[in-house]
Amino acid sequence: MEQAKIDRINVLARKSKAEGLTEEEKKEQDLLRKEYIAIIRRNLRAQLDQIDVVNPDGTTENLGEKYGNQKAN
């Protein structure tokens, strides 16, 4: 996510606490937050897909291959 969008999220959060937001600003804040959360989830999923688990029998299992095809939450 671009730094300008992150800065805008922070500006809207501070304004919300200080004086409140207009309906248009609330919608903008909601869209920016949803975009930010989607990016965080996508990055986390990519990291988790790279994890290898060593089973007690010594075999290695990649979590991305095992669970990667399931629908993300």
C-alpha atoms as a PDB file:
ATOM      1  CA  MET A   1       0.000   0.000   0.000  1.00  0.00           C
ATOM      2  CA  GLU A   2       1.248   3.430  -0.816  1.00  0.00           C
ATOM      3  CA  GLN A   3       2.526   5.569   2.036  1.00  0.00           C
ATOM      4  CA  ALA A   4       0.110   8.348   1.042  1.00  0.00           C
ATOM      5  CA  LYS A   5      -2.861   6.043   1.677  1.00  0.00           C
ATOM      6  CA  ILE A   6      -1.488   4.972   5.053  1.00  0.00           C
ATOM      7  CA  ASP A   7      -0.989   8.625   5.971  1.00  0.00           C
ATOM      8  CA  ARG A   8      -4.579   9.343   4.922  1.00  0.00           C
ATOM      9  CA  ILE A   9      -5.850   6.515   7.164  1.00  0.00           C
ATOM     10  CA  ASN A  10      -3.972   8.068  10.077  1.00  0.00           C
ATOM     11  CA  VAL A  11      -5.276  11.579   9.323  1.00  0.00           C
ATOM     12  CA  LEU A  12      -8.853  10.310   9.221  1.00  0.00           C
ATOM     13  CA  ALA A  13      -8.382   8.373  12.474  1.00  0.00           C
ATOM     14  CA  ARG A  14      -7.071  11.450  14.278  1.00  0.00           C
ATOM     15  CA  LYS A  15      -9.856  13.613  12.869  1.00  0.00           C
ATOM     16  CA  SER A  16     -12.448  11.030  13.883  1.00  0.00           C
ATOM     17  CA  LYS A  17     -11.272  11.162  17.493  1.00  0.00           C
ATOM     18  CA  ALA A  18     -10.945  14.930  17.579  1.00  0.00           C
ATOM     19  CA  GLU A  19     -14.019  16.265  15.805  1.00  0.00           C
ATOM     20  CA  GLY A  20     -15.788  13.505  13.911  1.00  0.00           C
ATOM     21  CA  LEU A  21     -16.020  12.659  10.233  1.00  0.00           C
ATOM     22  CA  THR A  22     -18.470  13.527   7.494  1.00  0.00           C
ATOM     23  CA  GLU A  23     -20.320  10.680   5.771  1.00  0.00           C
ATOM     24  CA  GLU A  24     -17.998  10.955   2.774  1.00  0.00           C
ATOM     25  CA  GLU A  25     -14.922  10.738   5.014  1.00  0.00           C
ATOM     26  CA  LYS A  26     -16.388   7.722   6.838  1.00  0.00           C
ATOM     27  CA  LYS A  27     -16.849   5.934   3.517  1.00  0.00           C
ATOM     28  CA  GLU A  28     -13.301   6.825   2.457  1.00  0.00           C
ATOM     29  CA  GLN A  29     -11.938   5.603   5.781  1.00  0.00           C
ATOM     30  CA  ASP A  30     -13.853   2.334   5.485  1.00  0.00           C
ATOM     31  CA  LEU A  31     -12.557   1.691   1.948  1.00  0.00           C
ATOM     32  CA  LEU A  32      -8.973   2.479   2.920  1.00  0.00           C
ATOM     33  CA  ARG A  33      -9.160   0.210   5.966  1.00  0.00           C
ATOM     34  CA  LYS A  34     -10.599  -2.661   3.924  1.00  0.00           C
ATOM     35  CA  GLU A  35      -7.838  -2.271   1.338  1.00  0.00           C
ATOM     36  CA  TYR A  36      -5.190  -2.206   4.077  1.00  0.00           C
ATOM     37  CA  ILE A  37      -6.581  -5.325   5.778  1.00  0.00           C
ATOM     38  CA  ALA A  38      -6.755  -7.188   2.442  1.00  0.00           C
ATOM     39  CA  ILE A  39      -3.080  -6.427   1.802  1.00  0.00           C
ATOM     40  CA  ILE A  40      -2.086  -7.577   5.301  1.00  0.00           C
ATOM     41  CA  ARG A  41      -4.019 -10.837   4.877  1.00  0.00           C
ATOM     42  CA  ARG A  42      -2.488 -11.465   1.453  1.00  0.00           C
ATOM     43  CA  ASN A  43       1.032 -10.909   2.823  1.00  0.00           C
ATOM     44  CA  LEU A  44       0.390 -13.158   5.826  1.00  0.00           C
ATOM     45  CA  ARG A  45      -1.004 -15.901   3.589  1.00  0.00           C
ATOM     46  CA  ALA A  46       2.104 -15.716   1.390  1.00  0.00           C
ATOM     47  CA  GLN A  47       4.362 -16.051   4.440  1.00  0.00           C
ATOM     48  CA  LEU A  48       2.383 -18.963   5.864  1.00  0.00           C
ATOM     49  CA  ASP A  49       2.437 -20.749   2.506  1.00  0.00           C
ATOM     50  CA  GLN A  50       6.245 -20.837   2.716  1.00  0.00           C
ATOM     51  CA  ILE A  51       6.354 -22.699   6.061  1.00  0.00           C
ATOM     52  CA  ASP A  52       7.545 -26.294   6.088  1.00  0.00           C
ATOM     53  CA  VAL A  53       6.550 -28.570   8.973  1.00  0.00           C
ATOM     54  CA  VAL A  54       8.692 -31.551   9.930  1.00  0.00           C
ATOM     55  CA  ASN A  55       6.485 -34.463  10.974  1.00  0.00           C
ATOM     56  CA  PRO A  56       7.465 -36.902  13.765  1.00  0.00           C
ATOM     57  CA  ASP A  57       8.354 -39.520  11.131  1.00  0.00           C
ATOM     58  CA  GLY A  58      10.892 -37.122   9.583  1.00  0.00           C
ATOM     59  CA  THR A  59       8.941 -36.168   6.466  1.00  0.00           C
ATOM     60  CA  THR A  60       8.581 -32.534   5.512  1.00  0.00           C
ATOM     61  CA  GLU A  61       5.240 -31.004   4.610  1.00  0.00           C
ATOM     62  CA  ASN A  62       4.711 -27.585   3.050  1.00  0.00           C
ATOM     63  CA  LEU A  63       1.689 -25.784   4.502  1.00  0.00           C
ATOM     64  CA  GLY A  64       1.095 -23.930   1.259  1.00  0.00           C
ATOM     65  CA  GLU A  65       0.769 -27.188  -0.637  1.00  0.00           C
ATOM     66  CA  LYS A  66      -1.342 -28.786   2.092  1.00  0.00           C
ATOM     67  CA  TYR A  67      -3.741 -25.901   2.771  1.00  0.00           C
ATOM     68  CA  GLY A  68      -3.099 -23.413  -0.025  1.00  0.00           C
ATOM     69  CA  ASN A  69      -6.038 -24.479  -2.185  1.00  0.00           C
ATOM     70  CA  GLN A  70      -8.606 -23.870   0.543  1.00  0.00           C
ATOM     71  CA  LYS A  71     -10.658 -20.687   0.533  1.00  0.00           C
ATOM     72  CA  ALA A  72      -9.024 -17.938   2.607  1.00  0.00           C
ATOM     73  CA  ASN A  73     -11.017 -16.435   5.479  1.00  0.00           C
END
